[in-house]
Amino acid sequence: MKKLQVGKTYSTRSACDHDCIISVMIEKRTAKTVSVTVRGEKKTFRIGVCDDAEFIKPWGYYSMAPVVTAND
């Protein structure tokens, strides 16, 4: 399984605007959570697993929310 790694930056594009790129840098992690800075705020997110890779949703859980995976 691919895991989110500390110190690495992950990016994805918005589903609504292809020019909008969402980037997060993993600052700290535990077995179930990661801490990142999003829009200037430090936040902690629970890690999910899909298709044998970890993911987080840095802008929240809604239908068109961007998903940052360890594959990105």
PDB file of N, CA and C in Angstrom:
ATOM      1  N   MET A   1       0.847  -1.170   0.000  1.00  0.00           N
ATOM      2  CA  MET A   1       0.000   0.000   0.000  1.00  0.00           C
ATOM      3  C   MET A   1       0.897   1.239   0.000  1.00  0.00           C
ATOM      4  N   LYS A   2       0.516   2.240  -0.798  1.00  0.00           N
ATOM      5  CA  LYS A   2       1.248   3.506  -0.818  1.00  0.00           C
ATOM      6  C   LYS A   2       0.784   4.358   0.354  1.00  0.00           C
ATOM      7  N   LYS A   3       1.749   4.939   1.070  1.00  0.00           N
ATOM      8  CA  LYS A   3       1.438   5.738   2.254  1.00  0.00           C
ATOM      9  C   LYS A   3       1.843   7.186   2.050  1.00  0.00           C
ATOM     10  N   LEU A   4       1.125   8.094   2.715  1.00  0.00           N
ATOM     11  CA  LEU A   4       1.482   9.508   2.732  1.00  0.00           C
ATOM     12  C   LEU A   4       2.739   9.655   3.587  1.00  0.00           C
ATOM     13  N   GLN A   5       3.759  10.332   3.070  1.00  0.00           N
ATOM     14  CA  GLN A   5       5.039  10.421   3.746  1.00  0.00           C
ATOM     15  C   GLN A   5       5.297  11.827   4.279  1.00  0.00           C
ATOM     16  N   VAL A   6       5.889  11.903   5.459  1.00  0.00           N
ATOM     17  CA  VAL A   6       6.224  13.178   6.101  1.00  0.00           C
ATOM     18  C   VAL A   6       7.267  13.906   5.246  1.00  0.00           C
ATOM     19  N   GLY A   7       7.046  15.221   5.057  1.00  0.00           N
ATOM     20  CA  GLY A   7       7.969  16.054   4.302  1.00  0.00           C
ATOM     21  C   GLY A   7       7.696  16.098   2.815  1.00  0.00           C
ATOM     22  N   LYS A   8       6.817  15.280   2.332  1.00  0.00           N
ATOM     23  CA  LYS A   8       6.500  15.232   0.917  1.00  0.00           C
ATOM     24  C   LYS A   8       5.276  16.100   0.616  1.00  0.00           C
ATOM     25  N   THR A   9       5.264  16.737  -0.557  1.00  0.00           N
ATOM     26  CA  THR A   9       4.128  17.567  -0.982  1.00  0.00           C
ATOM     27  C   THR A   9       3.312  16.796  -2.003  1.00  0.00           C
ATOM     28  N   TYR A  10       2.000  16.779  -1.800  1.00  0.00           N
ATOM     29  CA  TYR A  10       1.068  16.096  -2.695  1.00  0.00           C
ATOM     30  C   TYR A  10       0.128  17.125  -3.298  1.00  0.00           C
ATOM     31  N   SER A  11      -0.235  16.937  -4.568  1.00  0.00           N
ATOM     32  CA  SER A  11      -1.094  17.894  -5.260  1.00  0.00           C
ATOM     33  C   SER A  11      -2.182  17.173  -6.031  1.00  0.00           C
ATOM     34  N   THR A  12      -3.272  17.899  -6.252  1.00  0.00           N
ATOM     35  CA  THR A  12      -4.358  17.417  -7.095  1.00  0.00           C
ATOM     36  C   THR A  12      -5.054  18.629  -7.697  1.00  0.00           C
ATOM     37  N   ARG A  13      -5.877  18.417  -8.681  1.00  0.00           N
ATOM     38  CA  ARG A  13      -6.613  19.512  -9.320  1.00  0.00           C
ATOM     39  C   ARG A  13      -8.061  19.518  -8.849  1.00  0.00           C
ATOM     40  N   SER A  14      -8.653  20.683  -8.866  1.00  0.00           N
ATOM     41  CA  SER A  14     -10.059  20.824  -8.499  1.00  0.00           C
ATOM     42  C   SER A  14     -10.928  20.165  -9.570  1.00  0.00           C
ATOM     43  N   ALA A  15     -12.021  19.552  -9.145  1.00  0.00           N
ATOM     44  CA  ALA A  15     -12.943  18.931 -10.091  1.00  0.00           C
ATOM     45  C   ALA A  15     -13.700  19.976 -10.902  1.00  0.00           C
ATOM     46  N   CYS A  16     -13.838  21.178 -10.363  1.00  0.00           N
ATOM     47  CA  CYS A  16     -14.625  22.228 -11.027  1.00  0.00           C
ATOM     48  C   CYS A  16     -13.772  23.174 -11.867  1.00  0.00           C
ATOM     49  N   ASP A  17     -12.510  23.350 -11.506  1.00  0.00           N
ATOM     50  CA  ASP A  17     -11.631  24.303 -12.190  1.00  0.00           C
ATOM     51  C   ASP A  17     -10.271  23.637 -12.388  1.00  0.00           C
ATOM     52  N   HIS A  18      -9.982  23.263 -13.621  1.00  0.00           N
ATOM     53  CA  HIS A  18      -8.753  22.531 -13.922  1.00  0.00           C
ATOM     54  C   HIS A  18      -7.501  23.340 -13.610  1.00  0.00           C
ATOM     55  N   ASP A  19      -7.594  24.664 -13.599  1.00  0.00           N
ATOM     56  CA  ASP A  19      -6.443  25.520 -13.307  1.00  0.00           C
ATOM     57  C   ASP A  19      -6.168  25.656 -11.806  1.00  0.00           C
ATOM     58  N   CYS A  20      -7.104  25.224 -10.973  1.00  0.00           N
ATOM     59  CA  CYS A  20      -6.944  25.310  -9.517  1.00  0.00           C
ATOM     60  C   CYS A  20      -6.238  24.048  -9.017  1.00  0.00           C
ATOM     61  N   ILE A  21      -5.027  24.229  -8.489  1.00  0.00           N
ATOM     62  CA  ILE A  21      -4.237  23.102  -7.989  1.00  0.00           C
ATOM     63  C   ILE A  21      -4.176  23.180  -6.466  1.00  0.00           C
ATOM     64  N   ILE A  22      -4.530  22.092  -5.822  1.00  0.00           N
ATOM     65  CA  ILE A  22      -4.522  22.006  -4.364  1.00  0.00           C
ATOM     66  C   ILE A  22      -3.273  21.226  -3.955  1.00  0.00           C
ATOM     67  N   SER A  23      -2.420  21.848  -3.142  1.00  0.00           N
ATOM     68  CA  SER A  23      -1.192  21.199  -2.680  1.00  0.00           C
ATOM     69  C   SER A  23      -1.158  21.185  -1.161  1.00  0.00           C
ATOM     70  N   VAL A  24      -0.699  20.086  -0.600  1.00  0.00           N
ATOM     71  CA  VAL A  24      -0.519  19.978   0.848  1.00  0.00           C
ATOM     72  C   VAL A  24       0.823  19.309   1.122  1.00  0.00           C
ATOM     73  N   MET A  25       1.498  19.757   2.182  1.00  0.00           N
ATOM     74  CA  MET A  25       2.736  19.119   2.610  1.00  0.00           C
ATOM     75  C   MET A  25       2.472  18.420   3.934  1.00  0.00           C
ATOM     76  N   ILE A  26       2.806  17.155   4.003  1.00  0.00           N
ATOM     77  CA  ILE A  26       2.608  16.373   5.214  1.00  0.00           C
ATOM     78  C   ILE A  26       3.677  16.780   6.218  1.00  0.00           C
ATOM     79  N   GLU A  27       3.258  17.332   7.351  1.00  0.00           N
ATOM     80  CA  GLU A  27       4.194  17.799   8.371  1.00  0.00           C
ATOM     81  C   GLU A  27       4.425  16.778   9.476  1.00  0.00           C
ATOM     82  N   LYS A  28       3.378  16.019   9.790  1.00  0.00           N
ATOM     83  CA  LYS A  28       3.461  15.048  10.877  1.00  0.00           C
ATOM     84  C   LYS A  28       2.420  13.976  10.612  1.00  0.00           C
ATOM     85  N   ARG A  29       2.685  12.750  11.061  1.00  0.00           N
ATOM     86  CA  ARG A  29       1.684  11.705  10.894  1.00  0.00           C
ATOM     87  C   ARG A  29       1.742  10.695  12.023  1.00  0.00           C
ATOM     88  N   THR A  30       0.596  10.070  12.233  1.00  0.00           N
ATOM     89  CA  THR A  30       0.501   8.920  13.122  1.00  0.00           C
ATOM     90  C   THR A  30      -0.033   7.785  12.255  1.00  0.00           C
ATOM     91  N   ALA A  31      -0.407   6.694  12.875  1.00  0.00           N
ATOM     92  CA  ALA A  31      -0.936   5.571  12.105  1.00  0.00           C
ATOM     93  C   ALA A  31      -2.273   5.902  11.440  1.00  0.00           C
ATOM     94  N   LYS A  32      -3.075   6.802  12.066  1.00  0.00           N
ATOM     95  CA  LYS A  32      -4.416   7.087  11.559  1.00  0.00           C
ATOM     96  C   LYS A  32      -4.646   8.521  11.120  1.00  0.00           C
ATOM     97  N   THR A  33      -3.722   9.448  11.409  1.00  0.00           N
ATOM     98  CA  THR A  33      -3.925  10.858  11.068  1.00  0.00           C
ATOM     99  C   THR A  33      -2.670  11.471  10.456  1.00  0.00           C
ATOM    100  N   VAL A  34      -2.877  12.591   9.734  1.00  0.00           N
ATOM    101  CA  VAL A  34      -1.761  13.393   9.236  1.00  0.00           C
ATOM    102  C   VAL A  34      -2.042  14.852   9.582  1.00  0.00           C
ATOM    103  N   SER A  35      -0.977  15.625   9.814  1.00  0.00           N
ATOM    104  CA  SER A  35      -1.096  17.060  10.060  1.00  0.00           C
ATOM    105  C   SER A  35      -0.502  17.793   8.880  1.00  0.00           C
ATOM    106  N   VAL A  36      -1.265  18.759   8.337  1.00  0.00           N
ATOM    107  CA  VAL A  36      -0.837  19.538   7.177  1.00  0.00           C
ATOM    108  C   VAL A  36      -1.214  21.001   7.380  1.00  0.00           C
ATOM    109  N   THR A  37      -0.657  21.866   6.554  1.00  0.00           N
ATOM    110  CA  THR A  37      -1.080  23.258   6.528  1.00  0.00           C
ATOM    111  C   THR A  37      -1.939  23.455   5.290  1.00  0.00           C
ATOM    112  N   VAL A  38      -3.178  23.891   5.500  1.00  0.00           N
ATOM    113  CA  VAL A  38      -4.128  24.118   4.410  1.00  0.00           C
ATOM    114  C   VAL A  38      -4.621  25.554   4.504  1.00  0.00           C
ATOM    115  N   ARG A  39      -4.437  26.315   3.423  1.00  0.00           N
ATOM    116  CA  ARG A  39      -4.872  27.721   3.385  1.00  0.00           C
ATOM    117  C   ARG A  39      -4.327  28.509   4.573  1.00  0.00           C
ATOM    118  N   GLY A  40      -3.092  28.230   4.973  1.00  0.00           N
ATOM    119  CA  GLY A  40      -2.452  28.954   6.070  1.00  0.00           C
ATOM    120  C   GLY A  40      -2.791  28.462   7.460  1.00  0.00           C
ATOM    121  N   GLU A  41      -3.648  27.460   7.573  1.00  0.00           N
ATOM    122  CA  GLU A  41      -4.026  26.911   8.873  1.00  0.00           C
ATOM    123  C   GLU A  41      -3.485  25.490   9.020  1.00  0.00           C
ATOM    124  N   LYS A  42      -2.986  25.179  10.207  1.00  0.00           N
ATOM    125  CA  LYS A  42      -2.535  23.829  10.489  1.00  0.00           C
ATOM    126  C   LYS A  42      -3.743  22.977  10.869  1.00  0.00           C
ATOM    127  N   LYS A  43      -3.932  21.855  10.176  1.00  0.00           N
ATOM    128  CA  LYS A  43      -5.073  20.993  10.437  1.00  0.00           C
ATOM    129  C   LYS A  43      -4.636  19.538  10.477  1.00  0.00           C
ATOM    130  N   THR A  44      -5.445  18.727  11.150  1.00  0.00           N
ATOM    131  CA  THR A  44      -5.207  17.295  11.239  1.00  0.00           C
ATOM    132  C   THR A  44      -6.365  16.571  10.568  1.00  0.00           C
ATOM    133  N   PHE A  45      -6.033  15.575   9.750  1.00  0.00           N
ATOM    134  CA  PHE A  45      -7.050  14.823   9.018  1.00  0.00           C
ATOM    135  C   PHE A  45      -6.871  13.341   9.255  1.00  0.00           C
ATOM    136  N   ARG A  46      -8.002  12.623   9.241  1.00  0.00           N
ATOM    137  CA  ARG A  46      -7.956  11.167   9.319  1.00  0.00           C
ATOM    138  C   ARG A  46      -7.592  10.633   7.943  1.00  0.00           C
ATOM    139  N   ILE A  47      -6.806   9.573   7.942  1.00  0.00           N
ATOM    140  CA  ILE A  47      -6.363   8.948   6.699  1.00  0.00           C
ATOM    141  C   ILE A  47      -7.386   7.905   6.266  1.00  0.00           C
ATOM    142  N   GLY A  48      -7.739   7.942   4.990  1.00  0.00           N
ATOM    143  CA  GLY A  48      -8.593   6.924   4.396  1.00  0.00           C
ATOM    144  C   GLY A  48      -7.765   6.073   3.447  1.00  0.00           C
ATOM    145  N   VAL A  49      -8.305   4.929   3.048  1.00  0.00           N
ATOM    146  CA  VAL A  49      -7.606   4.056   2.112  1.00  0.00           C
ATOM    147  C   VAL A  49      -8.557   3.696   0.984  1.00  0.00           C
ATOM    148  N   CYS A  50      -8.074   3.845  -0.254  1.00  0.00           N
ATOM    149  CA  CYS A  50      -8.860   3.491  -1.431  1.00  0.00           C
ATOM    150  C   CYS A  50      -7.892   3.052  -2.523  1.00  0.00           C
ATOM    151  N   ASP A  51      -8.194   1.972  -3.185  1.00  0.00           N
ATOM    152  CA  ASP A  51      -7.357   1.444  -4.272  1.00  0.00           C
ATOM    153  C   ASP A  51      -5.905   1.262  -3.848  1.00  0.00           C
ATOM    154  N   ASP A  52      -5.690   0.757  -2.653  1.00  0.00           N
ATOM    155  CA  ASP A  52      -4.359   0.440  -2.126  1.00  0.00           C
ATOM    156  C   ASP A  52      -3.455   1.672  -1.971  1.00  0.00           C
ATOM    157  N   ALA A  53      -4.068   2.831  -1.685  1.00  0.00           N
ATOM    158  CA  ALA A  53      -3.300   4.057  -1.427  1.00  0.00           C
ATOM    159  C   ALA A  53      -4.038   4.893  -0.382  1.00  0.00           C
ATOM    160  N   GLU A  54      -3.267   5.569   0.494  1.00  0.00           N
ATOM    161  CA  GLU A  54      -3.870   6.437   1.501  1.00  0.00           C
ATOM    162  C   GLU A  54      -4.323   7.744   0.858  1.00  0.00           C
ATOM    163  N   PHE A  55      -5.369   8.365   1.451  1.00  0.00           N
ATOM    164  CA  PHE A  55      -5.856   9.654   0.956  1.00  0.00           C
ATOM    165  C   PHE A  55      -6.372  10.508   2.096  1.00  0.00           C
ATOM    166  N   ILE A  56      -6.454  11.828   1.829  1.00  0.00           N
ATOM    167  CA  ILE A  56      -7.128  12.778   2.723  1.00  0.00           C
ATOM    168  C   ILE A  56      -7.933  13.726   1.863  1.00  0.00           C
ATOM    169  N   LYS A  57      -8.918  14.379   2.483  1.00  0.00           N
ATOM    170  CA  LYS A  57      -9.713  15.413   1.814  1.00  0.00           C
ATOM    171  C   LYS A  57      -9.460  16.726   2.550  1.00  0.00           C
ATOM    172  N   PRO A  58      -8.489  17.530   2.070  1.00  0.00           N
ATOM    173  CA  PRO A  58      -8.064  18.718   2.813  1.00  0.00           C
ATOM    174  C   PRO A  58      -9.088  19.850   2.867  1.00  0.00           C
ATOM    175  N   TRP A  59     -10.082  19.850   2.000  1.00  0.00           N
ATOM    176  CA  TRP A  59     -11.085  20.917   2.026  1.00  0.00           C
ATOM    177  C   TRP A  59     -12.406  20.440   2.604  1.00  0.00           C
ATOM    178  N   GLY A  60     -12.427  19.242   3.173  1.00  0.00           N
ATOM    179  CA  GLY A  60     -13.638  18.728   3.803  1.00  0.00           C
ATOM    180  C   GLY A  60     -14.294  17.638   2.978  1.00  0.00           C
ATOM    181  N   TYR A  61     -15.397  17.125   3.515  1.00  0.00           N
ATOM    182  CA  TYR A  61     -16.140  16.049   2.873  1.00  0.00           C
ATOM    183  C   TYR A  61     -17.413  16.603   2.265  1.00  0.00           C
ATOM    184  N   TYR A  62     -17.426  16.760   0.954  1.00  0.00           N
ATOM    185  CA  TYR A  62     -18.621  17.133   0.210  1.00  0.00           C
ATOM    186  C   TYR A  62     -18.499  16.509  -1.174  1.00  0.00           C
ATOM    187  N   SER A  63     -19.535  16.583  -1.987  1.00  0.00           N
ATOM    188  CA  SER A  63     -19.587  15.820  -3.230  1.00  0.00           C
ATOM    189  C   SER A  63     -18.446  16.105  -4.201  1.00  0.00           C
ATOM    190  N   MET A  64     -17.986  17.341  -4.314  1.00  0.00           N
ATOM    191  CA  MET A  64     -16.933  17.684  -5.266  1.00  0.00           C
ATOM    192  C   MET A  64     -15.609  18.015  -4.560  1.00  0.00           C
ATOM    193  N   ALA A  65     -15.422  17.528  -3.344  1.00  0.00           N
ATOM    194  CA  ALA A  65     -14.220  17.823  -2.560  1.00  0.00           C
ATOM    195  C   ALA A  65     -12.981  17.228  -3.225  1.00  0.00           C
ATOM    196  N   PRO A  66     -11.882  17.990  -3.239  1.00  0.00           N
ATOM    197  CA  PRO A  66     -10.645  17.435  -3.786  1.00  0.00           C
ATOM    198  C   PRO A  66     -10.092  16.341  -2.875  1.00  0.00           C
ATOM    199  N   VAL A  67      -9.518  15.325  -3.487  1.00  0.00           N
ATOM    200  CA  VAL A  67      -8.955  14.207  -2.751  1.00  0.00           C
ATOM    201  C   VAL A  67      -7.464  14.138  -3.075  1.00  0.00           C
ATOM    202  N   VAL A  68      -6.633  14.182  -2.046  1.00  0.00           N
ATOM    203  CA  VAL A  68      -5.188  14.084  -2.203  1.00  0.00           C
ATOM    204  C   VAL A  68      -4.781  12.668  -1.809  1.00  0.00           C
ATOM    205  N   THR A  69      -4.216  11.939  -2.756  1.00  0.00           N
ATOM    206  CA  THR A  69      -3.821  10.548  -2.501  1.00  0.00           C
ATOM    207  C   THR A  69      -2.309  10.399  -2.516  1.00  0.00           C
ATOM    208  N   ALA A  70      -1.842   9.294  -2.005  1.00  0.00           N
ATOM    209  CA  ALA A  70      -0.411   8.994  -2.012  1.00  0.00           C
ATOM    210  C   ALA A  70       0.084   8.741  -3.432  1.00  0.00           C
ATOM    211  N   ASN A  71      -0.830   8.528  -4.372  1.00  0.00           N
ATOM    212  CA  ASN A  71      -0.456   8.355  -5.777  1.00  0.00           C
ATOM    213  C   ASN A  71      -0.174   9.669  -6.470  1.00  0.00           C
ATOM    214  N   ASP A  72      -0.632  10.816  -5.906  1.00  0.00           N
ATOM    215  CA  ASP A  72      -0.508  12.130  -6.569  1.00  0.00           C
ATOM    216  C   ASP A  72       0.901  12.667  -6.513  1.00  0.00           C
TER     217      ASP A  72
END
